[in-house]
Amino acid sequence: MSFKKADISLLIVDDDEVSRTLLGRRLESEEYQVDTAKSGPEALEKMTVERFDLVLLDLMMPGMNGDEVLYQMRCDPLLNDTIVMMLTADSDKQNVVTCL
């Protein structure tokens, strides 16, 4: 099975605008379809409207953090099979283990 990068839709969820922008530009330059959200609630709202092949989700966000967003996704039958890659600058291994 072959695919085109342009057929793969990604959602970047990060409260840091610079991180969202840099990662988004890099992925767009590789011809992926990219959308962004600056918060967990915004991401969940976007996921109810559009299906994403991969969600790049920041672990450390104010309000609803990444593991709370992931929990909500796994509880939702329409989102529970979405592939999620957690991102973090945090070096606390316990946070990483929690996501796993």
N, C-alpha and C. Protein backbone atom coordinates (compact mmCIF):
# COMPACT_ATOMS: atom_id res chain seq x y z
N MET A 1 0.84 -1.19 0.00
CA MET A 1 0.00 0.00 0.00
C MET A 1 0.88 1.24 0.00
N SER A 2 0.64 2.13 -0.92
CA SER A 2 1.41 3.37 -0.95
C SER A 2 0.52 4.53 -0.54
N PHE A 3 1.15 5.55 -0.03
CA PHE A 3 0.41 6.74 0.38
C PHE A 3 1.24 7.96 0.06
N LYS A 4 0.56 9.07 -0.01
CA LYS A 4 1.22 10.35 -0.22
C LYS A 4 1.19 11.11 1.09
N LYS A 5 2.25 11.78 1.41
CA LYS A 5 2.29 12.57 2.64
C LYS A 5 1.14 13.58 2.68
N ALA A 6 0.78 14.09 1.52
CA ALA A 6 -0.29 15.09 1.45
C ALA A 6 -1.64 14.52 1.88
N ASP A 7 -1.74 13.19 1.93
CA ASP A 7 -2.98 12.54 2.35
C ASP A 7 -3.02 12.31 3.86
N ILE A 8 -1.93 12.60 4.57
CA ILE A 8 -1.85 12.36 6.01
C ILE A 8 -2.09 13.67 6.75
N SER A 9 -3.10 13.66 7.62
CA SER A 9 -3.45 14.87 8.37
C SER A 9 -2.96 14.76 9.80
N LEU A 10 -2.30 15.82 10.24
CA LEU A 10 -1.71 15.88 11.57
C LEU A 10 -2.30 17.03 12.36
N LEU A 11 -2.46 16.82 13.65
CA LEU A 11 -2.88 17.89 14.55
C LEU A 11 -1.78 18.07 15.58
N ILE A 12 -1.23 19.27 15.65
CA ILE A 12 -0.22 19.62 16.64
C ILE A 12 -0.92 20.37 17.77
N VAL A 13 -0.78 19.85 18.99
CA VAL A 13 -1.41 20.47 20.16
C VAL A 13 -0.31 20.90 21.11
N ASP A 14 -0.14 22.21 21.25
CA ASP A 14 0.91 22.75 22.12
C ASP A 14 0.53 24.17 22.50
N ASP A 15 0.68 24.50 23.77
CA ASP A 15 0.35 25.85 24.22
C ASP A 15 1.41 26.87 23.81
N ASP A 16 2.60 26.40 23.45
CA ASP A 16 3.69 27.29 23.07
C ASP A 16 3.60 27.59 21.57
N GLU A 17 3.35 28.86 21.25
CA GLU A 17 3.15 29.25 19.86
C GLU A 17 4.38 28.99 19.01
N VAL A 18 5.56 29.25 19.54
CA VAL A 18 6.79 29.04 18.77
C VAL A 18 6.95 27.55 18.43
N SER A 19 6.72 26.68 19.40
CA SER A 19 6.83 25.24 19.15
C SER A 19 5.83 24.78 18.10
N ARG A 20 4.58 25.25 18.23
CA ARG A 20 3.55 24.89 17.24
C ARG A 20 3.95 25.34 15.85
N THR A 21 4.41 26.57 15.75
CA THR A 21 4.75 27.14 14.46
C THR A 21 5.94 26.43 13.83
N LEU A 22 7.00 26.22 14.60
CA LEU A 22 8.19 25.58 14.05
C LEU A 22 7.91 24.15 13.60
N LEU A 23 7.24 23.38 14.44
CA LEU A 23 6.92 22.01 14.09
C LEU A 23 5.95 21.96 12.91
N GLY A 24 4.96 22.84 12.93
CA GLY A 24 4.00 22.89 11.83
C GLY A 24 4.66 23.22 10.50
N ARG A 25 5.53 24.21 10.50
CA ARG A 25 6.23 24.57 9.25
C ARG A 25 7.10 23.43 8.75
N ARG A 26 7.78 22.78 9.66
CA ARG A 26 8.65 21.66 9.27
C ARG A 26 7.84 20.53 8.63
N LEU A 27 6.73 20.19 9.24
CA LEU A 27 5.90 19.11 8.71
C LEU A 27 5.22 19.52 7.41
N GLU A 28 4.80 20.77 7.31
CA GLU A 28 4.21 21.26 6.06
C GLU A 28 5.25 21.24 4.94
N SER A 29 6.51 21.54 5.26
CA SER A 29 7.56 21.50 4.24
C SER A 29 7.79 20.08 3.73
N GLU A 30 7.39 19.10 4.53
CA GLU A 30 7.45 17.69 4.11
C GLU A 30 6.15 17.26 3.44
N GLU A 31 5.24 18.22 3.23
CA GLU A 31 3.99 18.06 2.49
C GLU A 31 2.88 17.34 3.26
N TYR A 32 2.96 17.32 4.59
CA TYR A 32 1.86 16.80 5.39
C TYR A 32 0.79 17.87 5.53
N GLN A 33 -0.46 17.45 5.72
CA GLN A 33 -1.54 18.38 6.05
C GLN A 33 -1.46 18.63 7.55
N VAL A 34 -1.34 19.89 7.95
CA VAL A 34 -1.13 20.21 9.36
C VAL A 34 -2.18 21.20 9.84
N ASP A 35 -2.73 20.90 11.01
CA ASP A 35 -3.59 21.83 11.73
C ASP A 35 -3.01 21.95 13.13
N THR A 36 -3.35 23.01 13.84
CA THR A 36 -2.80 23.21 15.18
C THR A 36 -3.91 23.58 16.16
N ALA A 37 -3.62 23.33 17.43
CA ALA A 37 -4.49 23.75 18.52
C ALA A 37 -3.60 24.21 19.65
N LYS A 38 -4.02 25.27 20.35
CA LYS A 38 -3.19 25.82 21.42
C LYS A 38 -3.59 25.32 22.81
N SER A 39 -4.60 24.46 22.87
CA SER A 39 -5.04 23.95 24.17
C SER A 39 -5.72 22.60 23.99
N GLY A 40 -5.86 21.89 25.09
CA GLY A 40 -6.55 20.61 25.07
C GLY A 40 -8.00 20.72 24.62
N PRO A 41 -8.77 21.64 25.22
CA PRO A 41 -10.17 21.78 24.78
C PRO A 41 -10.31 22.14 23.30
N GLU A 42 -9.43 23.00 22.81
CA GLU A 42 -9.48 23.35 21.38
C GLU A 42 -9.17 22.12 20.52
N ALA A 43 -8.22 21.32 20.94
CA ALA A 43 -7.86 20.11 20.20
C ALA A 43 -9.04 19.14 20.15
N LEU A 44 -9.67 18.90 21.30
CA LEU A 44 -10.80 17.98 21.35
C LEU A 44 -11.94 18.48 20.46
N GLU A 45 -12.16 19.78 20.46
CA GLU A 45 -13.20 20.35 19.60
C GLU A 45 -12.88 20.11 18.13
N LYS A 46 -11.63 20.35 17.74
CA LYS A 46 -11.24 20.13 16.35
C LYS A 46 -11.37 18.67 15.96
N MET A 47 -11.08 17.77 16.88
CA MET A 47 -11.16 16.35 16.58
C MET A 47 -12.60 15.86 16.44
N THR A 48 -13.56 16.61 16.96
CA THR A 48 -14.96 16.23 16.76
C THR A 48 -15.45 16.62 15.36
N VAL A 49 -14.75 17.55 14.73
CA VAL A 49 -15.14 18.05 13.41
C VAL A 49 -14.34 17.37 12.30
N GLU A 50 -13.08 17.09 12.57
CA GLU A 50 -12.18 16.54 11.55
C GLU A 50 -11.43 15.34 12.09
N ARG A 51 -11.22 14.38 11.24
CA ARG A 51 -10.46 13.16 11.60
C ARG A 51 -8.99 13.39 11.28
N PHE A 52 -8.11 13.14 12.25
CA PHE A 52 -6.67 13.29 12.06
C PHE A 52 -6.01 11.92 12.11
N ASP A 53 -5.01 11.73 11.27
CA ASP A 53 -4.28 10.46 11.25
C ASP A 53 -3.32 10.35 12.42
N LEU A 54 -2.82 11.49 12.88
CA LEU A 54 -1.87 11.51 13.99
C LEU A 54 -2.04 12.81 14.75
N VAL A 55 -2.02 12.70 16.09
CA VAL A 55 -2.07 13.88 16.96
C VAL A 55 -0.74 13.95 17.70
N LEU A 56 -0.05 15.06 17.54
CA LEU A 56 1.19 15.34 18.26
C LEU A 56 0.79 16.20 19.46
N LEU A 57 0.88 15.63 20.64
CA LEU A 57 0.26 16.21 21.83
C LEU A 57 1.28 16.54 22.90
N ASP A 58 1.37 17.82 23.25
CA ASP A 58 2.28 18.27 24.31
C ASP A 58 1.77 17.78 25.66
N LEU A 59 2.65 17.25 26.45
CA LEU A 59 2.28 16.75 27.77
C LEU A 59 1.99 17.88 28.75
N MET A 60 2.83 18.90 28.74
CA MET A 60 2.75 19.96 29.75
C MET A 60 2.05 21.20 29.17
N MET A 61 0.76 21.32 29.45
CA MET A 61 -0.01 22.50 29.04
C MET A 61 -0.83 22.97 30.22
N PRO A 62 -1.07 24.28 30.33
CA PRO A 62 -1.93 24.77 31.41
C PRO A 62 -3.38 24.37 31.18
N GLY A 63 -4.12 24.32 32.25
CA GLY A 63 -5.52 23.93 32.13
C GLY A 63 -5.62 22.43 31.96
N MET A 64 -5.97 22.00 30.78
CA MET A 64 -6.05 20.56 30.46
C MET A 64 -4.72 20.13 29.85
N ASN A 65 -3.96 19.32 30.60
CA ASN A 65 -2.67 18.90 30.09
C ASN A 65 -2.82 17.72 29.12
N GLY A 66 -1.70 17.30 28.54
CA GLY A 66 -1.73 16.27 27.51
C GLY A 66 -2.30 14.94 27.95
N ASP A 67 -1.96 14.50 29.18
CA ASP A 67 -2.50 13.21 29.59
C ASP A 67 -4.01 13.28 29.84
N GLU A 68 -4.53 14.45 30.20
CA GLU A 68 -5.98 14.61 30.35
C GLU A 68 -6.66 14.58 28.98
N VAL A 69 -6.02 15.20 28.00
CA VAL A 69 -6.56 15.16 26.63
C VAL A 69 -6.56 13.71 26.13
N LEU A 70 -5.46 13.01 26.35
CA LEU A 70 -5.37 11.62 25.93
C LEU A 70 -6.43 10.76 26.61
N TYR A 71 -6.67 10.99 27.88
CA TYR A 71 -7.71 10.25 28.61
C TYR A 71 -9.08 10.49 27.97
N GLN A 72 -9.38 11.77 27.67
CA GLN A 72 -10.67 12.10 27.04
C GLN A 72 -10.80 11.42 25.68
N MET A 73 -9.70 11.39 24.94
CA MET A 73 -9.72 10.74 23.63
C MET A 73 -9.99 9.24 23.76
N ARG A 74 -9.38 8.60 24.73
CA ARG A 74 -9.53 7.16 24.90
C ARG A 74 -10.92 6.79 25.41
N CYS A 75 -11.60 7.73 26.04
CA CYS A 75 -12.97 7.50 26.53
C CYS A 75 -14.02 7.74 25.45
N ASP A 76 -13.63 8.37 24.36
CA ASP A 76 -14.55 8.72 23.28
C ASP A 76 -14.46 7.67 22.17
N PRO A 77 -15.54 6.95 21.90
CA PRO A 77 -15.50 5.90 20.87
C PRO A 77 -15.08 6.41 19.48
N LEU A 78 -15.31 7.67 19.20
CA LEU A 78 -14.93 8.22 17.90
C LEU A 78 -13.46 8.61 17.83
N LEU A 79 -12.81 8.76 18.98
CA LEU A 79 -11.41 9.20 19.01
C LEU A 79 -10.45 8.16 19.57
N ASN A 80 -10.98 7.09 20.17
CA ASN A 80 -10.12 6.19 20.93
C ASN A 80 -9.11 5.41 20.09
N ASP A 81 -9.27 5.38 18.77
CA ASP A 81 -8.27 4.68 17.96
C ASP A 81 -7.32 5.64 17.24
N THR A 82 -7.41 6.93 17.55
CA THR A 82 -6.52 7.92 16.95
C THR A 82 -5.11 7.72 17.49
N ILE A 83 -4.14 7.74 16.59
CA ILE A 83 -2.75 7.59 16.98
C ILE A 83 -2.27 8.90 17.60
N VAL A 84 -1.64 8.79 18.76
CA VAL A 84 -1.16 9.96 19.49
C VAL A 84 0.32 9.79 19.79
N MET A 85 1.07 10.84 19.53
CA MET A 85 2.47 10.89 19.92
C MET A 85 2.61 12.01 20.95
N MET A 86 3.02 11.64 22.15
CA MET A 86 3.19 12.64 23.21
C MET A 86 4.53 13.33 23.05
N LEU A 87 4.53 14.64 23.24
CA LEU A 87 5.74 15.44 23.17
C LEU A 87 5.95 16.13 24.51
N THR A 88 7.19 16.23 24.94
CA THR A 88 7.46 16.97 26.17
C THR A 88 8.92 17.38 26.24
N ALA A 89 9.14 18.51 26.85
CA ALA A 89 10.49 18.96 27.15
C ALA A 89 10.83 18.59 28.59
N ASP A 90 9.87 18.01 29.29
CA ASP A 90 10.03 17.63 30.69
C ASP A 90 10.91 16.39 30.79
N SER A 91 11.86 16.41 31.70
CA SER A 91 12.75 15.26 31.87
C SER A 91 12.28 14.33 32.99
N ASP A 92 11.13 14.61 33.59
CA ASP A 92 10.60 13.78 34.67
C ASP A 92 10.09 12.46 34.10
N LYS A 93 10.78 11.38 34.39
CA LYS A 93 10.42 10.07 33.85
C LYS A 93 9.03 9.63 34.28
N GLN A 94 8.58 10.05 35.45
CA GLN A 94 7.25 9.65 35.91
C GLN A 94 6.16 10.18 34.98
N ASN A 95 6.33 11.39 34.46
CA ASN A 95 5.35 11.93 33.52
C ASN A 95 5.30 11.08 32.24
N VAL A 96 6.44 10.64 31.77
CA VAL A 96 6.49 9.81 30.59
C VAL A 96 5.81 8.47 30.86
N VAL A 97 6.08 7.88 32.01
CA VAL A 97 5.47 6.60 32.38
C VAL A 97 3.96 6.74 32.50
N THR A 98 3.49 7.85 33.05
CA THR A 98 2.05 8.10 33.18
C THR A 98 1.37 8.04 31.82
N CYS A 99 1.97 8.65 30.81
CA CYS A 99 1.39 8.66 29.46
C CYS A 99 1.36 7.26 28.86
N LEU A 100 2.38 6.49 29.13
CA LEU A 100 2.42 5.13 28.59
C LEU A 100 1.32 4.29 29.22
